[in-house]
Amino acid sequence: MAKRNTFFFGGDLSELDPVVHGFIEALAVRRAQELFATDRFPGHPNPTSPEEIFVNVQPLSGAAANNAVYNAFVDPGDTVMGLALPHGGHLTHGSEFNRSGKTFHIVPYEINPRTGRIDYDALLQRARECKPKMIIAGASAYPWEMDFVRFREIADEVGAILLADVAHPAGLMVTGLLQSPVGLADVVTTTTHKTLCGPRGAIIVTTNPVLAEKVDMAVFPGEQGGPHINQIAAKAVSFLLDATPDFAKLMRLVRDNCSALAERLVENGLTLAYGGTENHLVLVDLRKIKTPTGYPLTGEMASRILDLIGLTCNKNTIAGDTNAAHPGAIRLGTTWITQRGLKPKHMKRLAEIIAVTLKNIHTFRYIEARDYVGRGKIDFGLFEEMKREVELLEREAVREMEIERESGYPYFQRMEIDEDRYDAARGVFHIRGHELVEHYGDPDSEIASAREGVALVDTPQHGVFHVHSGRVKAALQEIFTGDVLSLQPWCAMRSFMLDADGKVIDDCEIIRLDSEGDEDHYLVVSRGSRAERVKSWLRALSDCYVITDREDVFAKVEGPFIVDDLGEPGNGSYSSFNLFGGKAVELLSKFDPKWKALQPGAAVRNAEDVIVMNMPFGDESRLVVIAPEDKLNAMRERLISVGALRCGAGVMAHVRKEAGLPVYLKEGEDFKGSDYVERHPEMFALTKCNYVGWRSLPKPPAPENATRFEWKEPEGEPRKSCLYDEHVKLGAKMVPFAGWLMPVWYTSTAEEHRACREAAALFDVSHMGVLDFIGDNAIRFLDQVTTNYVHWLRDGQGHYSYLLGPDGVPLDDILLYRVNRNHFMMVVNAANAEKDEEWLRGLNDGRYLIDYEHPFKRLEARVTIRNLKDVGESGEDSRVDLALQGRRALDVLLELAEGLEFRKAIYRLKRFCIARGKLAGLDAIVARTGYTGEDIGYEIYVHPDNAPALWNAILSAGEKWGVKPAGLGARDSLRTEAGLPLYGHELAGPLNVMPIEAGYGFVVRFHKPWFIGREAMMRNEETRTMELVRFRAASKGTRMLSLGDPVCDQRGQVIGRVTSSVAVDGVQYGIAYVRSKSAKEGLRILCYPVSGARSSGKPPAELEPGDRTVIPVECVILPRFLRKEEEYPVIVDWSKYAD
């Protein structure tokens, strides 16, 4: 079937002769003909011999094969019928995101919800109605055999091409286990890497020579270039293997395994989507699982967690799903596990593992930009147990080769369980694969040496883990009970690691190493008996799919981070020993003088990569020496040669017992973290906002100097901005606003509004507050006082966020920019600037309560805060804000910017990102942000003394493009038209509107385990019934609406209140706070302008001639936000922008 284009292009593909290429392709074609022939299957409706079959073996994938069929038989805009994607169809069968859905008119057919099968009668009826040019019989997730005879009849009746896409079940068809469409469908496509068990690729099959010619042309040159001969050769080999009795036996076992798995899944209480299976796959309906938390389990979370325990599967949509990213099912195929040698008898255990895992996922959900997304966590103990069960099952499978090492971190790693043993006869402990002598000599002598001399205790069983990432500092702060944030480089501490129930996993030493760029590095040293658990717990917390708080499944430990076991050969084979005794420092310093000054709580590394940490358990002297094993062995011998006494593990146990610490030599006993608070307060920072196990520990008293925050608005005359004189020169109408005299308009609100939408407008927003935050832990401070996720930001990036009070009520909405990891800039509303500054400075000083339910909590980080509008405080770093909004804003800035690189930086700015350079010769920070709904808009932060010069430079440069100054009137009309919130109207205010209700749930990050107001905000989310909508009046000239005016539905029931309203070109736009169930785009609502109406106030029944009453304004609900996406200019030639 395929044209031998290899003869013409083969020389470009490899060193093989083109004739050899042609032979390989011909061999693949012939073997495919023999494999797909149906004359060997008794009872096939239309038996076909190999000679009657035409095959193209060149398609690189199933999608490429399907696209070639589209190219061959249908034209853009033609009607095509395919199985609906939520019902099991493939992307190439008509997805709106795929070429098929964008190019052709797709009419889907569906599964009958009652039978769980394709409804052929309904399909026929729909085909009669829409007269498709092509019908696709195929699916990516349909567990039943398809009736190709019926499909043929339907296609013939309406005159359609019938394409059978059998990418998934082809292996079962070529072995006669399912009906083959060859000879029934006009064209058949299939991949070769699914049940055909071959290489990744596809083929196209037909029995019509005319159609074969069209397919050939559609593949080459229509869809792809020259063939991949290596892939074709692999297909030829695969087709030969697929024709063997062994393959037929394999396919029978694939189907038997699938049937057995389905049966066992049902026995374990799971529900099968569509009711069962007849092929190689089965779908589990996750929506029927009753989860521990009540939130639905999604395919995204189920597949992720199953993957982490060692079972890889697909998430899959099923009928009724509306979100393909978070569907309601998973798809399980048995081809690969059958190839690995598993049989029906193994399906019982496999089904039990799957069922136990799925039923014990604690589900929840987060709010993203467009919708809720499902999430889930599982208990750590069960997580590790299921991983062990999968590994035991895998060991019963067949391996093609022996492997020296099992799959390990980060791909698949489970907690090693090597039971600790004590050999009393020999006085030897067996811990983590090491033999540890209890005492080498007299126990009393060894203990005495640990007090007064130098006792060397080997600790090869201890874990030494290198933990590192850009977020690891915050992660360890949330994992350990101590204040890890306070550690400076090469300082050390000991702290407890607790589990979700407050039980001690271990008490570990933590050493902060030098940071590298944005990445922080730590060593975590754990006790031998607990090392594997510590390592697995850390890695599980990094993946964030295990429960860390029984009462708050939303909370996750910061991450991800990397956990390297330095004891492994590939990581340096590090080991350790301990030196006890009053003379330990003196003896060790003989080898390196820098160790002589080593104080408790400090660590140092010498030139030979030997790390020494001074970390006593109690009153004793103790040094921990960590080094690669060869260097450690040499150092051990040298220390013993100059007087150190080699002692057994019993000394370590004795010292820890005397210090009141857990002794882990004999595994099995549980220790509670709360039992060690009184004896070791230095290992606990009980006032931390959140860490694993905190609920189980005693609660300290509330700080005496912290009070509830209360704010009284300052009184006084309105202030003048640094641009006041420029506004007066321009003839602006000045009005008091938020304590400032500001321009409300220069010409008219309508004209300035129009200028912004059509060209650009320049706004004075220098009355806005601008603060910056500097410090090593600035990220932590800001992450705890704002709702958005500060750790996501990189240098030059910013985001929108909120300041909340402990009661969850917004104090303000803000913009936050990261200058670098230790320096951030925050922009706050003018009306709240003084309040916000006092709140943030008070938090930094510890003067205000941050959690009313847990008043003992204190912010964990301190920073330097500056008011950048205060020149006396900030000097040359001072900043005020100007806003240039509209599609011509970029042109103006590129003209004013100095230097090609700064111009390119401005051009490349993404939303909420910043660049610094010179505009009109003045130092400026340019941010691609704004408050008008414009896609192209900027805010410019400049020194107050330079603001007038820059203001005039922008207006001068922008005059030729129609740039105009704009006042508060236009700013309000633009933001209301766009649906953007104003504090006091759509945030907080008399209606007490919350951020999630305002449509900004995606910036309230509940996965953060703690931020001020989080618990109150979560309660609001669970019980809220209201949200904001944007609306437009149905006609021009309607009476203006005001804050608080009632909103009714078409039945006259009050559903909410107006929050803002403006007139744009005579049409009223507004925002209203309404019941969520009424917040539907396109819904007609009635708004009553009672605030400014002159009405008699009588009920309708008492109205008389001459009385006045309120006439409602009919409005329609719009999309929540105006999406004004300009065509962003493409600049290829930068030569005209060069200096």
Foldseek 3Di string as FASTA:
>chain_A
DADLCLQVCVVVQDVDHSVVLVVLLVLLLQLVLQLQAQLVAPPFPFGGHSVLKGKDFFFQALLLLLQLLCQLFHFFAFEEEEADQLAFADCCQAPCVDPNVVGYHYDYFYADQVQLHGDLVVVLVVCVVRLGQEYEAEGRDRFEADDLQSVLVSCVVSVHQYEYEHQAFVLCCSLPLGHDCARRGQKYKYFCCHLLVWDGGIMMMGSDVVSSVSSNVSSPPNRHHDGNSVRSSRSSVSSVVSPDPVSSVLQVQLQQQQQLLFVLLVVLPWQWRSHGHSGFKTKTQQQPACAPARDTQFLQALQVLCQQLPDHWAGGRRPPDDDGNTHGIIMDGRNVQSVQPDGSVLSNLVSVLSSVVSRAWHKDWFQAQPGIHIHTAHAPVSSLVSSVSVVVSSVVTHDPDDDPDDDDPPRHHHQDDDAWDADVVQCWIQFPNDTFHQWPDDPVVLLVCLAANKEKEFQQLKWKKKKKDLWVQQLVCQQWQAQSVPDDAQFKDWTFGAAQQQWTLFIWIKHWHDADASMTIIIIITHRNNRSVVQSVLSCLLVFRHAQHPVARLAGRDDNIDIDGCCDVVNQNKTKMKMGHPCHQVLVCVVPVVSNPQDARGWDADPQRWIKHFHALAPITMIMIMHRPVVVVVVVVVSVVVPHHYTTPNSVQVRNVVLVHDDCSNPDDIGGPQVCCVSCVNNHDLQAPHHGNNVVHDADDFDPQAAADDDDDDDDAADEALCNVVCVVLQFDWDDDLSHTFGQWSPDLQVQLVLQAQFKEKEFQQLWWKKKWFDPCSLQLVCFQWQFRSSVDAAQFKDKIFGAALLQATLWIWIKHHNHPGMIMIITHNNRRVVVVVVSVCLLVVNHQQHPVRNSHHRSDHIDMDGLCDCVGNPQSRWGKMKMHHDNSLVLQLVQFPALVQNVVLLPADARGWDWGDGVNFTWIWHQDDQQLGNGMIMIIGHSVCVNVNVVSSCVSCVVRSYYYGTPSNSQQRNFQFQHDDPLQCGCNPVSHGCVLSSNSNRRSSNHVHHRSNVSVVVCVVDPFKHKFKKKFPDFDDDWAAFFWFKAAPVRHTFWTWRDWDAHPRIIIGMIIGTPVQQDAFGKMWTWRPPPDDFPPDDPVPDDPPTDDIDTTIMGTHPNGDNHDDPSDDDDDCVVSHD
